[in-house]
Each structure stands twice: as structure tokens, then as C-alpha cells.
N, C-alpha and C. Protein backbone atom coordinates (compact mmCIF):
# COMPACT_ATOMS: atom_id res chain seq x y z
N MET A 1 0.82 -1.20 0.00
CA MET A 1 0.00 0.00 0.00
C MET A 1 0.86 1.26 0.00
N GLU A 2 1.94 1.24 0.78
CA GLU A 2 2.80 2.42 0.82
C GLU A 2 3.55 2.60 -0.49
N ASN A 3 3.84 1.48 -1.20
CA ASN A 3 4.46 1.59 -2.52
C ASN A 3 3.53 2.29 -3.50
N LEU A 4 2.25 1.95 -3.43
CA LEU A 4 1.27 2.55 -4.34
C LEU A 4 1.13 4.05 -4.07
N LEU A 5 1.11 4.44 -2.80
CA LEU A 5 1.04 5.86 -2.46
C LEU A 5 2.29 6.60 -2.94
N PHE A 6 3.44 5.95 -2.79
CA PHE A 6 4.69 6.54 -3.26
C PHE A 6 4.66 6.74 -4.77
N VAL A 7 4.16 5.75 -5.49
CA VAL A 7 4.08 5.84 -6.95
C VAL A 7 3.12 6.94 -7.39
N ILE A 8 2.00 7.07 -6.71
CA ILE A 8 1.06 8.15 -7.03
C ILE A 8 1.71 9.50 -6.76
N PHE A 9 2.44 9.60 -5.66
CA PHE A 9 3.16 10.83 -5.34
C PHE A 9 4.19 11.15 -6.43
N VAL A 10 4.93 10.16 -6.88
CA VAL A 10 5.92 10.35 -7.94
C VAL A 10 5.24 10.81 -9.23
N PHE A 11 4.10 10.20 -9.57
CA PHE A 11 3.35 10.58 -10.76
C PHE A 11 2.97 12.06 -10.70
N ILE A 12 2.44 12.48 -9.57
CA ILE A 12 1.99 13.87 -9.42
C ILE A 12 3.17 14.83 -9.49
N ILE A 13 4.27 14.50 -8.84
CA ILE A 13 5.44 15.37 -8.85
C ILE A 13 6.01 15.51 -10.25
N ILE A 14 6.12 14.41 -10.99
CA ILE A 14 6.67 14.47 -12.35
C ILE A 14 5.74 15.27 -13.26
N TYR A 15 4.44 15.04 -13.15
CA TYR A 15 3.50 15.78 -13.99
C TYR A 15 3.53 17.27 -13.67
N LEU A 16 3.55 17.62 -12.39
CA LEU A 16 3.58 19.03 -12.02
C LEU A 16 4.88 19.70 -12.48
N ALA A 17 5.98 18.98 -12.40
CA ALA A 17 7.25 19.53 -12.88
C ALA A 17 7.16 19.81 -14.38
N TYR A 18 6.61 18.88 -15.14
CA TYR A 18 6.42 19.06 -16.57
C TYR A 18 5.47 20.22 -16.85
N LEU A 19 4.40 20.30 -16.05
CA LEU A 19 3.39 21.35 -16.23
C LEU A 19 4.00 22.73 -16.04
N PHE A 20 4.75 22.91 -14.95
CA PHE A 20 5.29 24.22 -14.64
C PHE A 20 6.52 24.59 -15.46
N THR A 21 7.29 23.60 -15.93
CA THR A 21 8.50 23.93 -16.69
C THR A 21 8.29 23.96 -18.19
N VAL A 22 7.27 23.28 -18.71
CA VAL A 22 7.08 23.24 -20.16
C VAL A 22 5.71 23.77 -20.58
N ILE A 23 4.67 23.18 -20.08
CA ILE A 23 3.32 23.45 -20.60
C ILE A 23 2.87 24.88 -20.34
N MET A 24 3.18 25.42 -19.19
CA MET A 24 2.70 26.75 -18.84
C MET A 24 3.61 27.88 -19.32
N ARG A 25 4.73 27.56 -19.91
CA ARG A 25 5.66 28.57 -20.41
C ARG A 25 5.61 28.60 -21.94
N PRO A 26 5.12 29.68 -22.52
CA PRO A 26 4.99 29.75 -23.98
C PRO A 26 6.32 29.59 -24.73
N GLU A 27 7.42 30.14 -24.19
CA GLU A 27 8.70 30.02 -24.89
C GLU A 27 9.22 28.59 -24.87
N LYS A 28 8.97 27.87 -23.79
CA LYS A 28 9.37 26.45 -23.72
C LYS A 28 8.46 25.59 -24.58
N LEU A 29 7.20 25.98 -24.68
CA LEU A 29 6.25 25.22 -25.49
C LEU A 29 6.61 25.30 -26.96
N LYS A 30 7.14 26.45 -27.41
CA LYS A 30 7.59 26.57 -28.80
C LYS A 30 8.77 25.65 -29.08
N LYS A 31 9.67 25.53 -28.11
CA LYS A 31 10.83 24.65 -28.26
C LYS A 31 10.45 23.18 -28.15
N PHE A 32 9.31 22.91 -27.54
CA PHE A 32 8.85 21.54 -27.33
C PHE A 32 8.64 20.79 -28.64
N VAL A 33 8.33 21.52 -29.70
CA VAL A 33 8.10 20.91 -31.00
C VAL A 33 9.35 20.17 -31.49
N ASN A 34 10.52 20.59 -31.02
CA ASN A 34 11.78 19.95 -31.43
C ASN A 34 12.30 18.94 -30.41
N ALA A 35 11.50 18.62 -29.40
CA ALA A 35 11.92 17.66 -28.38
C ALA A 35 12.02 16.26 -28.98
N LYS A 36 12.76 15.40 -28.31
CA LYS A 36 12.97 14.04 -28.81
C LYS A 36 11.66 13.26 -28.94
N GLU A 37 10.77 13.46 -27.96
CA GLU A 37 9.50 12.73 -28.00
C GLU A 37 8.69 13.12 -29.23
N VAL A 38 8.63 14.41 -29.49
CA VAL A 38 7.85 14.91 -30.62
C VAL A 38 8.52 14.51 -31.94
N THR A 39 9.83 14.55 -31.97
CA THR A 39 10.56 14.13 -33.17
C THR A 39 10.28 12.66 -33.48
N LEU A 40 10.24 11.83 -32.45
CA LEU A 40 9.91 10.41 -32.62
C LEU A 40 8.50 10.26 -33.20
N LEU A 41 7.55 11.00 -32.64
CA LEU A 41 6.17 10.91 -33.12
C LEU A 41 6.03 11.43 -34.55
N LYS A 42 6.71 12.54 -34.85
CA LYS A 42 6.64 13.09 -36.21
C LYS A 42 7.24 12.12 -37.22
N GLY A 43 8.35 11.52 -36.87
CA GLY A 43 9.03 10.62 -37.80
C GLY A 43 8.28 9.32 -38.03
N ARG A 44 7.81 8.72 -36.95
CA ARG A 44 7.14 7.42 -37.06
C ARG A 44 5.74 7.50 -37.62
N HIS A 45 5.01 8.51 -37.23
CA HIS A 45 3.59 8.59 -37.59
C HIS A 45 3.29 9.69 -38.60
N LYS A 46 4.33 10.32 -39.11
CA LYS A 46 4.19 11.36 -40.14
C LYS A 46 3.17 12.43 -39.72
N LEU A 47 3.34 12.94 -38.50
CA LEU A 47 2.42 13.94 -37.99
C LEU A 47 2.78 15.32 -38.53
N ASP A 48 1.76 16.08 -38.87
CA ASP A 48 1.93 17.46 -39.31
C ASP A 48 1.67 18.35 -38.10
N MET A 49 2.71 18.96 -37.57
CA MET A 49 2.60 19.73 -36.33
C MET A 49 1.75 20.99 -36.50
N LYS A 50 1.52 21.42 -37.73
CA LYS A 50 0.67 22.59 -37.96
C LYS A 50 -0.79 22.28 -37.66
N LYS A 51 -1.16 21.01 -37.74
CA LYS A 51 -2.54 20.60 -37.52
C LYS A 51 -2.80 20.11 -36.10
N ILE A 52 -1.77 20.09 -35.27
CA ILE A 52 -1.89 19.54 -33.92
C ILE A 52 -1.69 20.66 -32.91
N ASP A 53 -2.53 20.67 -31.89
CA ASP A 53 -2.39 21.63 -30.79
C ASP A 53 -1.20 21.20 -29.93
N VAL A 54 -0.17 22.04 -29.92
CA VAL A 54 1.08 21.69 -29.24
C VAL A 54 0.86 21.58 -27.73
N LYS A 55 0.02 22.42 -27.18
CA LYS A 55 -0.23 22.38 -25.73
C LYS A 55 -0.91 21.06 -25.35
N SER A 56 -1.83 20.61 -26.17
CA SER A 56 -2.51 19.34 -25.92
C SER A 56 -1.52 18.18 -26.03
N LEU A 57 -0.66 18.22 -27.03
CA LEU A 57 0.36 17.18 -27.21
C LEU A 57 1.32 17.17 -26.03
N ALA A 58 1.75 18.35 -25.59
CA ALA A 58 2.66 18.44 -24.45
C ALA A 58 2.02 17.88 -23.19
N ASN A 59 0.75 18.16 -23.01
CA ASN A 59 0.03 17.65 -21.84
C ASN A 59 -0.09 16.12 -21.91
N THR A 60 -0.39 15.60 -23.09
CA THR A 60 -0.49 14.15 -23.27
C THR A 60 0.85 13.48 -23.00
N ILE A 61 1.92 14.06 -23.50
CA ILE A 61 3.26 13.49 -23.29
C ILE A 61 3.66 13.59 -21.83
N ALA A 62 3.29 14.68 -21.16
CA ALA A 62 3.60 14.82 -19.74
C ALA A 62 2.90 13.75 -18.92
N ILE A 63 1.64 13.51 -19.22
CA ILE A 63 0.89 12.47 -18.49
C ILE A 63 1.47 11.10 -18.79
N SER A 64 1.79 10.85 -20.05
CA SER A 64 2.31 9.53 -20.41
C SER A 64 3.71 9.30 -19.82
N ASN A 65 4.57 10.31 -19.83
CA ASN A 65 5.89 10.15 -19.23
C ASN A 65 5.78 9.92 -17.73
N SER A 66 4.86 10.63 -17.09
CA SER A 66 4.65 10.43 -15.66
C SER A 66 4.18 9.01 -15.38
N PHE A 67 3.27 8.52 -16.22
CA PHE A 67 2.79 7.14 -16.06
C PHE A 67 3.91 6.13 -16.27
N ILE A 68 4.70 6.32 -17.32
CA ILE A 68 5.79 5.38 -17.63
C ILE A 68 6.77 5.30 -16.47
N ILE A 69 7.18 6.43 -15.97
CA ILE A 69 8.16 6.45 -14.88
C ILE A 69 7.56 5.87 -13.60
N SER A 70 6.33 6.25 -13.29
CA SER A 70 5.69 5.77 -12.07
C SER A 70 5.46 4.26 -12.12
N PHE A 71 4.98 3.77 -13.24
CA PHE A 71 4.73 2.33 -13.37
C PHE A 71 6.03 1.55 -13.30
N THR A 72 7.08 2.07 -13.90
CA THR A 72 8.38 1.41 -13.84
C THR A 72 8.89 1.35 -12.41
N ILE A 73 8.75 2.45 -11.69
CA ILE A 73 9.16 2.46 -10.28
C ILE A 73 8.34 1.45 -9.48
N TYR A 74 7.05 1.40 -9.73
CA TYR A 74 6.19 0.45 -9.00
C TYR A 74 6.64 -0.98 -9.25
N MET A 75 6.89 -1.31 -10.51
CA MET A 75 7.31 -2.68 -10.82
C MET A 75 8.66 -3.00 -10.19
N ALA A 76 9.56 -2.03 -10.18
CA ALA A 76 10.88 -2.26 -9.59
C ALA A 76 10.80 -2.40 -8.07
N LEU A 77 9.86 -1.70 -7.46
CA LEU A 77 9.74 -1.78 -6.00
C LEU A 77 9.16 -3.10 -5.52
N LEU A 78 8.64 -3.90 -6.42
CA LEU A 78 8.09 -5.20 -6.02
C LEU A 78 9.19 -6.19 -5.64
N VAL A 79 10.43 -5.87 -6.01
CA VAL A 79 11.58 -6.76 -5.75
C VAL A 79 12.50 -6.06 -4.76
N ASP A 80 13.15 -6.82 -3.89
CA ASP A 80 14.03 -6.24 -2.87
C ASP A 80 15.48 -6.08 -3.34
N ASN A 81 15.90 -6.88 -4.27
CA ASN A 81 17.28 -6.86 -4.74
C ASN A 81 17.51 -5.68 -5.69
N MET A 82 18.55 -4.89 -5.41
CA MET A 82 18.83 -3.69 -6.20
C MET A 82 19.15 -4.01 -7.66
N ILE A 83 19.90 -5.04 -7.91
CA ILE A 83 20.26 -5.40 -9.28
C ILE A 83 19.02 -5.85 -10.05
N LEU A 84 18.17 -6.63 -9.40
CA LEU A 84 16.91 -7.04 -10.04
C LEU A 84 15.99 -5.84 -10.28
N GLN A 85 16.01 -4.88 -9.37
CA GLN A 85 15.21 -3.68 -9.57
C GLN A 85 15.64 -2.93 -10.83
N LEU A 86 16.94 -2.79 -11.02
CA LEU A 86 17.45 -2.13 -12.23
C LEU A 86 17.08 -2.91 -13.48
N LEU A 87 17.24 -4.22 -13.42
CA LEU A 87 16.92 -5.07 -14.56
C LEU A 87 15.43 -4.98 -14.89
N ILE A 88 14.59 -5.09 -13.88
CA ILE A 88 13.14 -4.98 -14.10
C ILE A 88 12.79 -3.60 -14.62
N GLY A 89 13.44 -2.58 -14.08
CA GLY A 89 13.19 -1.22 -14.55
C GLY A 89 13.43 -1.07 -16.04
N PHE A 90 14.56 -1.57 -16.52
CA PHE A 90 14.85 -1.50 -17.95
C PHE A 90 13.91 -2.36 -18.77
N LEU A 91 13.63 -3.56 -18.27
CA LEU A 91 12.76 -4.47 -19.01
C LEU A 91 11.31 -3.98 -19.08
N VAL A 92 10.90 -3.18 -18.13
CA VAL A 92 9.54 -2.65 -18.14
C VAL A 92 9.49 -1.33 -18.92
N MET A 93 10.50 -0.49 -18.72
CA MET A 93 10.45 0.86 -19.28
C MET A 93 10.53 0.88 -20.81
N ILE A 94 11.42 0.14 -21.39
CA ILE A 94 11.61 0.19 -22.84
C ILE A 94 10.34 -0.22 -23.61
N PRO A 95 9.74 -1.38 -23.32
CA PRO A 95 8.51 -1.72 -24.04
C PRO A 95 7.36 -0.75 -23.73
N LEU A 96 7.32 -0.27 -22.50
CA LEU A 96 6.27 0.67 -22.13
C LEU A 96 6.38 1.98 -22.91
N ILE A 97 7.59 2.47 -23.09
CA ILE A 97 7.80 3.68 -23.90
C ILE A 97 7.33 3.44 -25.32
N LEU A 98 7.73 2.32 -25.91
CA LEU A 98 7.35 2.02 -27.29
C LEU A 98 5.83 1.89 -27.44
N ILE A 99 5.19 1.22 -26.51
CA ILE A 99 3.74 1.02 -26.59
C ILE A 99 2.98 2.33 -26.39
N VAL A 100 3.34 3.07 -25.36
CA VAL A 100 2.62 4.31 -25.05
C VAL A 100 2.80 5.33 -26.17
N TYR A 101 4.01 5.49 -26.68
CA TYR A 101 4.22 6.47 -27.75
C TYR A 101 3.57 6.03 -29.06
N HIS A 102 3.46 4.73 -29.28
CA HIS A 102 2.73 4.25 -30.45
C HIS A 102 1.25 4.62 -30.34
N ILE A 103 0.68 4.44 -29.16
CA ILE A 103 -0.72 4.80 -28.93
C ILE A 103 -0.93 6.30 -29.10
N ILE A 104 -0.01 7.10 -28.56
CA ILE A 104 -0.11 8.56 -28.71
C ILE A 104 -0.04 8.95 -30.18
N GLY A 105 0.89 8.36 -30.91
CA GLY A 105 1.04 8.67 -32.33
C GLY A 105 -0.21 8.33 -33.13
N ARG A 106 -0.78 7.17 -32.87
CA ARG A 106 -2.02 6.78 -33.57
C ARG A 106 -3.16 7.71 -33.22
N HIS A 107 -3.25 8.10 -31.96
CA HIS A 107 -4.32 8.99 -31.51
C HIS A 107 -4.23 10.34 -32.23
N TYR A 108 -3.03 10.91 -32.27
CA TYR A 108 -2.89 12.22 -32.91
C TYR A 108 -2.97 12.13 -34.43
N LYS A 109 -2.62 11.00 -35.00
CA LYS A 109 -2.80 10.82 -36.44
C LYS A 109 -4.29 10.81 -36.78
N LYS A 110 -5.09 10.14 -35.95
CA LYS A 110 -6.55 10.12 -36.18
C LYS A 110 -7.12 11.52 -36.02
N LYS A 111 -6.65 12.26 -35.04
CA LYS A 111 -7.10 13.65 -34.85
C LYS A 111 -6.75 14.51 -36.07
N GLU A 112 -5.55 14.29 -36.59
CA GLU A 112 -5.09 15.05 -37.76
C GLU A 112 -5.96 14.74 -38.96
N VAL A 113 -6.31 13.48 -39.16
CA VAL A 113 -7.14 13.08 -40.30
C VAL A 113 -8.54 13.66 -40.15
N LYS A 114 -9.07 13.67 -38.92
CA LYS A 114 -10.42 14.23 -38.70
C LYS A 114 -10.47 15.71 -39.02
N LYS A 115 -9.37 16.43 -38.76
CA LYS A 115 -9.35 17.86 -39.06
C LYS A 115 -9.35 18.12 -40.56
N ASN A 116 -8.80 17.17 -41.33
CA ASN A 116 -8.77 17.32 -42.79
C ASN A 116 -10.14 17.12 -43.40
N VAL A 117 -10.96 16.32 -42.76
CA VAL A 117 -12.27 15.98 -43.32
C VAL A 117 -13.28 17.04 -43.09
């Protein structure tokens, strides 16, 4: 139970950090279009950033990154051995990043297509 509370706390802290450092600052939001996450989405899913609300995308990425990190921490905390925690962390985080960003890319591609229609 205390692990779950810790993970929720971590989720909130990471999201709030993203919110205050990127989403709420217009100058950082403009630079966000060139971030690694957005570059990955643009390249893989051929997203046109002119048709996508950058603030909405930044918020979605902030929530997803918070989830990825929090879930990875939760899975790692299930084991007591430090080396196994690191191994589980890597084994959980990499597929989770690929799956979550694939879902985000498909979601925004559908939004982009709907705007064209």
C-alpha cells in the first residue's frame, strides 16, 4: 500500500514539474516541437505539427511520461534486490515507452485526419 502511495506521489510530482516547466511557459512550449519525444512521433507517424495543438500534445506526453516512470518504479519496488530492480526497470520501461508512444502517435494521427475531413 505504501508503494502505491509513493508511486502516485511520484506521478503527481513528475506531472507538475512538466506542467510548470514546459506546458505553462509559452517560450518552452515553442521549443517543445523539437523535443525528442515529438521528433519520434513526427518521424514514425508522419504527424503534421501545424494541424496539432502543441499544448494538448505536451500535456499528453507529460501524463504519459509520468505514467511510464511511475509504473516502472512500481514494478521495480516489487523486488528487494537492487540489481533485479534495475533489470526490471529497464525491461519494463523500454517496451512501455514504445507502446505508449505508439498509442499517442495513432491517436494524434486520427485527430489530424479528422481535421482534414
